Amino acid sequence: MATERSLASPSLMINASRAQLFRAVETVANVDFPDKWPEVLPQISECLQSSDHNVVIAGLQTLYQIIKKYEYDGAAGAFGRGPPSGLT
């Protein structure tokens, strides 16, 4: 039944896929950013300058997934360091 509803609603499938994608981005960002993924901030900046609102939203969501790791521990960051210079 749920599959039938998913097939009937492409936007529901897109939202579910987007949610999974950003969960994956969060996992990769927690492990690799900034040391192993330094190019992500310039890529996000390009997304934020796009005229396609879907690209802008994707850039904002990606940026949020990256900064989440710094959000709760203030200046110290989740791993005892401040946010990378590109985020300030």
PDB file of N, CA and C in Angstrom:
ATOM      1  N   MET A   1       0.792  -1.189   0.000  1.00  0.00           N
ATOM      2  CA  MET A   1       0.000   0.000   0.000  1.00  0.00           C
ATOM      3  C   MET A   1       0.845   1.269   0.000  1.00  0.00           C
ATOM      4  N   ALA A   2       1.841   1.307   0.882  1.00  0.00           N
ATOM      5  CA  ALA A   2       2.699   2.495   0.950  1.00  0.00           C
ATOM      6  C   ALA A   2       3.429   2.705  -0.366  1.00  0.00           C
ATOM      7  N   THR A   3       3.829   1.606  -1.004  1.00  0.00           N
ATOM      8  CA  THR A   3       4.520   1.712  -2.286  1.00  0.00           C
ATOM      9  C   THR A   3       3.587   2.283  -3.343  1.00  0.00           C
ATOM     10  N   GLU A   4       2.335   1.858  -3.326  1.00  0.00           N
ATOM     11  CA  GLU A   4       1.369   2.385  -4.286  1.00  0.00           C
ATOM     12  C   GLU A   4       1.188   3.881  -4.100  1.00  0.00           C
ATOM     13  N   ARG A   5       1.104   4.331  -2.843  1.00  0.00           N
ATOM     14  CA  ARG A   5       0.965   5.759  -2.583  1.00  0.00           C
ATOM     15  C   ARG A   5       2.219   6.509  -3.011  1.00  0.00           C
ATOM     16  N   SER A   6       3.385   5.920  -2.787  1.00  0.00           N
ATOM     17  CA  SER A   6       4.631   6.558  -3.190  1.00  0.00           C
ATOM     18  C   SER A   6       4.700   6.718  -4.697  1.00  0.00           C
ATOM     19  N   LEU A   7       4.272   5.698  -5.409  1.00  0.00           N
ATOM     20  CA  LEU A   7       4.293   5.771  -6.858  1.00  0.00           C
ATOM     21  C   LEU A   7       3.283   6.785  -7.374  1.00  0.00           C
ATOM     22  N   ALA A   8       2.202   6.968  -6.640  1.00  0.00           N
ATOM     23  CA  ALA A   8       1.180   7.923  -7.053  1.00  0.00           C
ATOM     24  C   ALA A   8       1.595   9.354  -6.757  1.00  0.00           C
ATOM     25  N   SER A   9       2.565   9.537  -5.884  1.00  0.00           N
ATOM     26  CA  SER A   9       2.983  10.876  -5.483  1.00  0.00           C
ATOM     27  C   SER A   9       4.477  11.071  -5.703  1.00  0.00           C
ATOM     28  N   PRO A  10       4.863  11.527  -6.895  1.00  0.00           N
ATOM     29  CA  PRO A  10       6.294  11.736  -7.158  1.00  0.00           C
ATOM     30  C   PRO A  10       6.941  12.719  -6.179  1.00  0.00           C
ATOM     31  N   SER A  11       6.200  13.722  -5.734  1.00  0.00           N
ATOM     32  CA  SER A  11       6.794  14.685  -4.805  1.00  0.00           C
ATOM     33  C   SER A  11       7.123  14.025  -3.469  1.00  0.00           C
ATOM     34  N   LEU A  12       6.314  13.056  -3.050  1.00  0.00           N
ATOM     35  CA  LEU A  12       6.600  12.325  -1.819  1.00  0.00           C
ATOM     36  C   LEU A  12       7.888  11.524  -1.968  1.00  0.00           C
ATOM     37  N   MET A  13       8.085  10.916  -3.136  1.00  0.00           N
ATOM     38  CA  MET A  13       9.311  10.156  -3.391  1.00  0.00           C
ATOM     39  C   MET A  13      10.523  11.082  -3.433  1.00  0.00           C
ATOM     40  N   ILE A  14      10.362  12.243  -4.044  1.00  0.00           N
ATOM     41  CA  ILE A  14      11.451  13.201  -4.128  1.00  0.00           C
ATOM     42  C   ILE A  14      11.836  13.669  -2.728  1.00  0.00           C
ATOM     43  N   ASN A  15      10.843  13.980  -1.905  1.00  0.00           N
ATOM     44  CA  ASN A  15      11.132  14.423  -0.538  1.00  0.00           C
ATOM     45  C   ASN A  15      11.816  13.331   0.272  1.00  0.00           C
ATOM     46  N   ALA A  16      11.384  12.091   0.114  1.00  0.00           N
ATOM     47  CA  ALA A  16      12.007  10.981   0.836  1.00  0.00           C
ATOM     48  C   ALA A  16      13.444  10.782   0.367  1.00  0.00           C
ATOM     49  N   SER A  17      13.656  10.880  -0.941  1.00  0.00           N
ATOM     50  CA  SER A  17      15.012  10.735  -1.482  1.00  0.00           C
ATOM     51  C   SER A  17      15.905  11.867  -1.000  1.00  0.00           C
ATOM     52  N   ARG A  18      15.367  13.079  -0.973  1.00  0.00           N
ATOM     53  CA  ARG A  18      16.121  14.235  -0.513  1.00  0.00           C
ATOM     54  C   ARG A  18      16.515  14.069   0.959  1.00  0.00           C
ATOM     55  N   ALA A  19      15.586  13.565   1.759  1.00  0.00           N
ATOM     56  CA  ALA A  19      15.872  13.356   3.178  1.00  0.00           C
ATOM     57  C   ALA A  19      17.002  12.342   3.361  1.00  0.00           C
ATOM     58  N   GLN A  20      16.984  11.273   2.584  1.00  0.00           N
ATOM     59  CA  GLN A  20      18.047  10.270   2.665  1.00  0.00           C
ATOM     60  C   GLN A  20      19.377  10.850   2.205  1.00  0.00           C
ATOM     61  N   LEU A  21      19.335  11.640   1.147  1.00  0.00           N
ATOM     62  CA  LEU A  21      20.552  12.254   0.632  1.00  0.00           C
ATOM     63  C   LEU A  21      21.190  13.164   1.687  1.00  0.00           C
ATOM     64  N   PHE A  22      20.397  13.990   2.347  1.00  0.00           N
ATOM     65  CA  PHE A  22      20.962  14.914   3.313  1.00  0.00           C
ATOM     66  C   PHE A  22      21.401  14.213   4.599  1.00  0.00           C
ATOM     67  N   ARG A  23      20.808  13.087   4.902  1.00  0.00           N
ATOM     68  CA  ARG A  23      21.300  12.273   6.021  1.00  0.00           C
ATOM     69  C   ARG A  23      22.692  11.727   5.668  1.00  0.00           C
ATOM     70  N   ALA A  24      22.862  11.320   4.415  1.00  0.00           N
ATOM     71  CA  ALA A  24      24.177  10.844   3.963  1.00  0.00           C
ATOM     72  C   ALA A  24      25.196  11.977   3.973  1.00  0.00           C
ATOM     73  N   VAL A  25      24.779  13.165   3.525  1.00  0.00           N
ATOM     74  CA  VAL A  25      25.681  14.328   3.549  1.00  0.00           C
ATOM     75  C   VAL A  25      26.105  14.632   4.980  1.00  0.00           C
ATOM     76  N   GLU A  26      25.170  14.554   5.907  1.00  0.00           N
ATOM     77  CA  GLU A  26      25.498  14.798   7.313  1.00  0.00           C
ATOM     78  C   GLU A  26      26.551  13.813   7.811  1.00  0.00           C
ATOM     79  N   THR A  27      26.392  12.552   7.465  1.00  0.00           N
ATOM     80  CA  THR A  27      27.344  11.529   7.899  1.00  0.00           C
ATOM     81  C   THR A  27      28.730  11.787   7.307  1.00  0.00           C
ATOM     82  N   VAL A  28      28.781  12.063   6.014  1.00  0.00           N
ATOM     83  CA  VAL A  28      30.067  12.329   5.362  1.00  0.00           C
ATOM     84  C   VAL A  28      30.696  13.601   5.933  1.00  0.00           C
ATOM     85  N   ALA A  29      29.888  14.633   6.135  1.00  0.00           N
ATOM     86  CA  ALA A  29      30.415  15.894   6.672  1.00  0.00           C
ATOM     87  C   ALA A  29      30.994  15.704   8.065  1.00  0.00           C
ATOM     88  N   ASN A  30      30.340  14.911   8.889  1.00  0.00           N
ATOM     89  CA  ASN A  30      30.845  14.686  10.250  1.00  0.00           C
ATOM     90  C   ASN A  30      32.194  13.984  10.253  1.00  0.00           C
ATOM     91  N   VAL A  31      32.425  13.161   9.258  1.00  0.00           N
ATOM     92  CA  VAL A  31      33.679  12.417   9.188  1.00  0.00           C
ATOM     93  C   VAL A  31      34.747  13.170   8.386  1.00  0.00           C
ATOM     94  N   ASP A  32      34.360  13.731   7.263  1.00  0.00           N
ATOM     95  CA  ASP A  32      35.343  14.254   6.311  1.00  0.00           C
ATOM     96  C   ASP A  32      35.543  15.767   6.323  1.00  0.00           C
ATOM     97  N   PHE A  33      34.580  16.527   6.781  1.00  0.00           N
ATOM     98  CA  PHE A  33      34.712  17.981   6.712  1.00  0.00           C
ATOM     99  C   PHE A  33      35.438  18.498   7.947  1.00  0.00           C
ATOM    100  N   PRO A  34      36.362  19.395   7.836  1.00  0.00           N
ATOM    101  CA  PRO A  34      36.863  20.066   6.658  1.00  0.00           C
ATOM    102  C   PRO A  34      38.103  19.415   6.044  1.00  0.00           C
ATOM    103  N   ASP A  35      38.751  18.526   6.761  1.00  0.00           N
ATOM    104  CA  ASP A  35      40.048  18.003   6.325  1.00  0.00           C
ATOM    105  C   ASP A  35      40.012  17.275   4.980  1.00  0.00           C
ATOM    106  N   LYS A  36      39.040  16.397   4.791  1.00  0.00           N
ATOM    107  CA  LYS A  36      39.008  15.580   3.578  1.00  0.00           C
ATOM    108  C   LYS A  36      37.989  16.081   2.542  1.00  0.00           C
ATOM    109  N   TRP A  37      37.279  17.167   2.876  1.00  0.00           N
ATOM    110  CA  TRP A  37      36.251  17.674   1.973  1.00  0.00           C
ATOM    111  C   TRP A  37      36.301  19.195   1.926  1.00  0.00           C
ATOM    112  N   PRO A  38      37.479  19.775   1.656  1.00  0.00           N
ATOM    113  CA  PRO A  38      37.621  21.228   1.705  1.00  0.00           C
ATOM    114  C   PRO A  38      36.891  21.956   0.574  1.00  0.00           C
ATOM    115  N   GLU A  39      36.611  21.270  -0.505  1.00  0.00           N
ATOM    116  CA  GLU A  39      35.992  21.937  -1.653  1.00  0.00           C
ATOM    117  C   GLU A  39      34.487  22.115  -1.517  1.00  0.00           C
ATOM    118  N   VAL A  40      33.897  21.607  -0.440  1.00  0.00           N
ATOM    119  CA  VAL A  40      32.440  21.679  -0.325  1.00  0.00           C
ATOM    120  C   VAL A  40      31.932  23.111  -0.155  1.00  0.00           C
ATOM    121  N   LEU A  41      32.634  23.965   0.567  1.00  0.00           N
ATOM    122  CA  LEU A  41      32.135  25.328   0.768  1.00  0.00           C
ATOM    123  C   LEU A  41      32.073  26.126  -0.536  1.00  0.00           C
ATOM    124  N   PRO A  42      33.090  26.076  -1.394  1.00  0.00           N
ATOM    125  CA  PRO A  42      32.943  26.746  -2.693  1.00  0.00           C
ATOM    126  C   PRO A  42      31.795  26.161  -3.526  1.00  0.00           C
ATOM    127  N   GLN A  43      31.589  24.852  -3.434  1.00  0.00           N
ATOM    128  CA  GLN A  43      30.490  24.227  -4.171  1.00  0.00           C
ATOM    129  C   GLN A  43      29.143  24.701  -3.645  1.00  0.00           C
ATOM    130  N   ILE A  44      29.035  24.814  -2.328  1.00  0.00           N
ATOM    131  CA  ILE A  44      27.792  25.314  -1.732  1.00  0.00           C
ATOM    132  C   ILE A  44      27.563  26.761  -2.150  1.00  0.00           C
ATOM    133  N   SER A  45      28.625  27.550  -2.157  1.00  0.00           N
ATOM    134  CA  SER A  45      28.515  28.950  -2.571  1.00  0.00           C
ATOM    135  C   SER A  45      27.963  29.064  -3.993  1.00  0.00           C
ATOM    136  N   GLU A  46      28.427  28.197  -4.880  1.00  0.00           N
ATOM    137  CA  GLU A  46      27.904  28.176  -6.254  1.00  0.00           C
ATOM    138  C   GLU A  46      26.416  27.837  -6.269  1.00  0.00           C
ATOM    139  N   CYS A  47      26.021  26.883  -5.448  1.00  0.00           N
ATOM    140  CA  CYS A  47      24.606  26.502  -5.373  1.00  0.00           C
ATOM    141  C   CYS A  47      23.749  27.674  -4.901  1.00  0.00           C
ATOM    142  N   LEU A  48      24.240  28.405  -3.919  1.00  0.00           N
ATOM    143  CA  LEU A  48      23.468  29.511  -3.356  1.00  0.00           C
ATOM    144  C   LEU A  48      23.297  30.664  -4.338  1.00  0.00           C
ATOM    145  N   GLN A  49      24.135  30.720  -5.358  1.00  0.00           N
ATOM    146  CA  GLN A  49      24.045  31.776  -6.361  1.00  0.00           C
ATOM    147  C   GLN A  49      23.242  31.355  -7.589  1.00  0.00           C
ATOM    148  N   SER A  50      22.702  30.159  -7.581  1.00  0.00           N
ATOM    149  CA  SER A  50      21.958  29.637  -8.723  1.00  0.00           C
ATOM    150  C   SER A  50      20.605  30.338  -8.863  1.00  0.00           C
ATOM    151  N   SER A  51      20.105  30.378 -10.071  1.00  0.00           N
ATOM    152  CA  SER A  51      18.762  30.916 -10.305  1.00  0.00           C
ATOM    153  C   SER A  51      17.694  29.824 -10.146  1.00  0.00           C
ATOM    154  N   ASP A  52      18.112  28.592 -10.014  1.00  0.00           N
ATOM    155  CA  ASP A  52      17.191  27.467  -9.812  1.00  0.00           C
ATOM    156  C   ASP A  52      16.943  27.306  -8.311  1.00  0.00           C
ATOM    157  N   HIS A  53      15.709  27.522  -7.883  1.00  0.00           N
ATOM    158  CA  HIS A  53      15.430  27.479  -6.445  1.00  0.00           C
ATOM    159  C   HIS A  53      15.694  26.102  -5.841  1.00  0.00           C
ATOM    160  N   ASN A  54      15.557  25.036  -6.605  1.00  0.00           N
ATOM    161  CA  ASN A  54      15.863  23.700  -6.081  1.00  0.00           C
ATOM    162  C   ASN A  54      17.345  23.561  -5.756  1.00  0.00           C
ATOM    163  N   VAL A  55      18.196  24.159  -6.561  1.00  0.00           N
ATOM    164  CA  VAL A  55      19.641  24.121  -6.320  1.00  0.00           C
ATOM    165  C   VAL A  55      19.980  24.956  -5.080  1.00  0.00           C
ATOM    166  N   VAL A  56      19.327  26.102  -4.939  1.00  0.00           N
ATOM    167  CA  VAL A  56      19.559  26.952  -3.763  1.00  0.00           C
ATOM    168  C   VAL A  56      19.135  26.216  -2.497  1.00  0.00           C
ATOM    169  N   ILE A  57      17.984  25.586  -2.526  1.00  0.00           N
ATOM    170  CA  ILE A  57      17.502  24.829  -1.368  1.00  0.00           C
ATOM    171  C   ILE A  57      18.464  23.694  -1.033  1.00  0.00           C
ATOM    172  N   ALA A  58      18.941  22.998  -2.047  1.00  0.00           N
ATOM    173  CA  ALA A  58      19.903  21.916  -1.820  1.00  0.00           C
ATOM    174  C   ALA A  58      21.185  22.467  -1.195  1.00  0.00           C
ATOM    175  N   GLY A  59      21.644  23.630  -1.667  1.00  0.00           N
ATOM    176  CA  GLY A  59      22.836  24.255  -1.088  1.00  0.00           C
ATOM    177  C   GLY A  59      22.627  24.627   0.364  1.00  0.00           C
ATOM    178  N   LEU A  60      21.469  25.197   0.675  1.00  0.00           N
ATOM    179  CA  LEU A  60      21.171  25.575   2.059  1.00  0.00           C
ATOM    180  C   LEU A  60      21.081  24.349   2.970  1.00  0.00           C
ATOM    181  N   GLN A  61      20.433  23.300   2.470  1.00  0.00           N
ATOM    182  CA  GLN A  61      20.325  22.089   3.282  1.00  0.00           C
ATOM    183  C   GLN A  61      21.683  21.432   3.503  1.00  0.00           C
ATOM    184  N   THR A  62      22.516  21.454   2.483  1.00  0.00           N
ATOM    185  CA  THR A  62      23.859  20.898   2.626  1.00  0.00           C
ATOM    186  C   THR A  62      24.671  21.716   3.627  1.00  0.00           C
ATOM    187  N   LEU A  63      24.587  23.029   3.515  1.00  0.00           N
ATOM    188  CA  LEU A  63      25.287  23.900   4.458  1.00  0.00           C
ATOM    189  C   LEU A  63      24.812  23.640   5.885  1.00  0.00           C
ATOM    190  N   TYR A  64      23.515  23.490   6.067  1.00  0.00           N
ATOM    191  CA  TYR A  64      22.988  23.211   7.404  1.00  0.00           C
ATOM    192  C   TYR A  64      23.530  21.892   7.949  1.00  0.00           C
ATOM    193  N   GLN A  65      23.596  20.868   7.104  1.00  0.00           N
ATOM    194  CA  GLN A  65      24.121  19.583   7.561  1.00  0.00           C
ATOM    195  C   GLN A  65      25.570  19.708   8.016  1.00  0.00           C
ATOM    196  N   ILE A  66      26.322  20.576   7.349  1.00  0.00           N
ATOM    197  CA  ILE A  66      27.723  20.760   7.712  1.00  0.00           C
ATOM    198  C   ILE A  66      27.861  21.552   9.000  1.00  0.00           C
ATOM    199  N   ILE A  67      27.096  22.631   9.143  1.00  0.00           N
ATOM    200  CA  ILE A  67      27.270  23.469  10.336  1.00  0.00           C
ATOM    201  C   ILE A  67      26.612  22.880  11.571  1.00  0.00           C
ATOM    202  N   LYS A  68      25.746  21.875  11.389  1.00  0.00           N
ATOM    203  CA  LYS A  68      25.115  21.240  12.543  1.00  0.00           C
ATOM    204  C   LYS A  68      26.142  20.689  13.530  1.00  0.00           C
ATOM    205  N   LYS A  69      27.251  20.242  13.017  1.00  0.00           N
ATOM    206  CA  LYS A  69      28.239  19.640  13.915  1.00  0.00           C
ATOM    207  C   LYS A  69      28.881  20.685  14.829  1.00  0.00           C
ATOM    208  N   TYR A  70      28.745  21.962  14.503  1.00  0.00           N
ATOM    209  CA  TYR A  70      29.300  23.034  15.319  1.00  0.00           C
ATOM    210  C   TYR A  70      28.240  23.767  16.139  1.00  0.00           C
ATOM    211  N   GLU A  71      26.984  23.500  15.891  1.00  0.00           N
ATOM    212  CA  GLU A  71      25.922  24.324  16.433  1.00  0.00           C
ATOM    213  C   GLU A  71      25.703  24.171  17.939  1.00  0.00           C
ATOM    214  N   TYR A  72      25.860  23.014  18.506  1.00  0.00           N
ATOM    215  CA  TYR A  72      25.509  22.806  19.903  1.00  0.00           C
ATOM    216  C   TYR A  72      26.629  23.079  20.890  1.00  0.00           C
ATOM    217  N   ASP A  73      27.866  23.006  20.448  1.00  0.00           N
ATOM    218  CA  ASP A  73      28.982  23.185  21.362  1.00  0.00           C
ATOM    219  C   ASP A  73      29.602  24.568  21.278  1.00  0.00           C
ATOM    220  N   GLY A  74      28.914  25.496  20.663  1.00  0.00           N
ATOM    221  CA  GLY A  74      29.385  26.868  20.600  1.00  0.00           C
ATOM    222  C   GLY A  74      30.720  26.986  19.898  1.00  0.00           C
ATOM    223  N   ALA A  75      31.578  27.846  20.414  1.00  0.00           N
ATOM    224  CA  ALA A  75      32.854  28.135  19.758  1.00  0.00           C
ATOM    225  C   ALA A  75      33.773  26.922  19.721  1.00  0.00           C
ATOM    226  N   ALA A  76      33.641  26.023  20.680  1.00  0.00           N
ATOM    227  CA  ALA A  76      34.541  24.869  20.729  1.00  0.00           C
ATOM    228  C   ALA A  76      34.242  23.865  19.627  1.00  0.00           C
ATOM    229  N   GLY A  77      32.994  23.809  19.148  1.00  0.00           N
ATOM    230  CA  GLY A  77      32.638  22.836  18.124  1.00  0.00           C
ATOM    231  C   GLY A  77      32.463  21.454  18.722  1.00  0.00           C
ATOM    232  N   ALA A  78      31.877  20.571  17.957  1.00  0.00           N
ATOM    233  CA  ALA A  78      31.564  19.231  18.447  1.00  0.00           C
ATOM    234  C   ALA A  78      32.808  18.418  18.753  1.00  0.00           C
ATOM    235  N   PHE A  79      33.933  18.766  18.132  1.00  0.00           N
ATOM    236  CA  PHE A  79      35.149  17.992  18.329  1.00  0.00           C
ATOM    237  C   PHE A  79      36.235  18.796  19.025  1.00  0.00           C
ATOM    238  N   GLY A  80      35.812  19.802  19.802  1.00  0.00           N
ATOM    239  CA  GLY A  80      36.768  20.569  20.580  1.00  0.00           C
ATOM    240  C   GLY A  80      37.534  21.605  19.783  1.00  0.00           C
ATOM    241  N   ARG A  81      37.057  21.952  18.618  1.00  0.00           N
ATOM    242  CA  ARG A  81      37.703  22.990  17.824  1.00  0.00           C
ATOM    243  C   ARG A  81      36.625  23.926  17.307  1.00  0.00           C
ATOM    244  N   GLY A  82      37.016  25.122  17.003  1.00  0.00           N
ATOM    245  CA  GLY A  82      36.056  26.086  16.465  1.00  0.00           C
ATOM    246  C   GLY A  82      35.693  25.760  15.038  1.00  0.00           C
ATOM    247  N   PRO A  83      34.696  26.446  14.498  1.00  0.00           N
ATOM    248  CA  PRO A  83      34.327  26.196  13.118  1.00  0.00           C
ATOM    249  C   PRO A  83      35.432  26.558  12.164  1.00  0.00           C
ATOM    250  N   PRO A  84      35.529  25.884  11.029  1.00  0.00           N
ATOM    251  CA  PRO A  84      36.548  26.232  10.037  1.00  0.00           C
ATOM    252  C   PRO A  84      36.385  27.665   9.574  1.00  0.00           C
ATOM    253  N   SER A  85      37.450  28.268   9.132  1.00  0.00           N
ATOM    254  CA  SER A  85      37.421  29.680   8.761  1.00  0.00           C
ATOM    255  C   SER A  85      36.428  29.980   7.653  1.00  0.00           C
ATOM    256  N   GLY A  86      36.130  29.040   6.787  1.00  0.00           N
ATOM    257  CA  GLY A  86      35.170  29.262   5.720  1.00  0.00           C
ATOM    258  C   GLY A  86      33.748  29.388   6.194  1.00  0.00           C
ATOM    259  N   LEU A  87      33.461  28.958   7.415  1.00  0.00           N
ATOM    260  CA  LEU A  87      32.100  29.017   7.945  1.00  0.00           C
ATOM    261  C   LEU A  87      31.857  30.272   8.771  1.00  0.00           C
ATOM    262  N   THR A  88      32.881  31.053   9.034  1.00  0.00           N
ATOM    263  CA  THR A  88      32.684  32.233   9.879  1.00  0.00           C
ATOM    264  C   THR A  88      32.642  33.488   9.079  1.00  0.00           C
TER     265      THR A  88
END
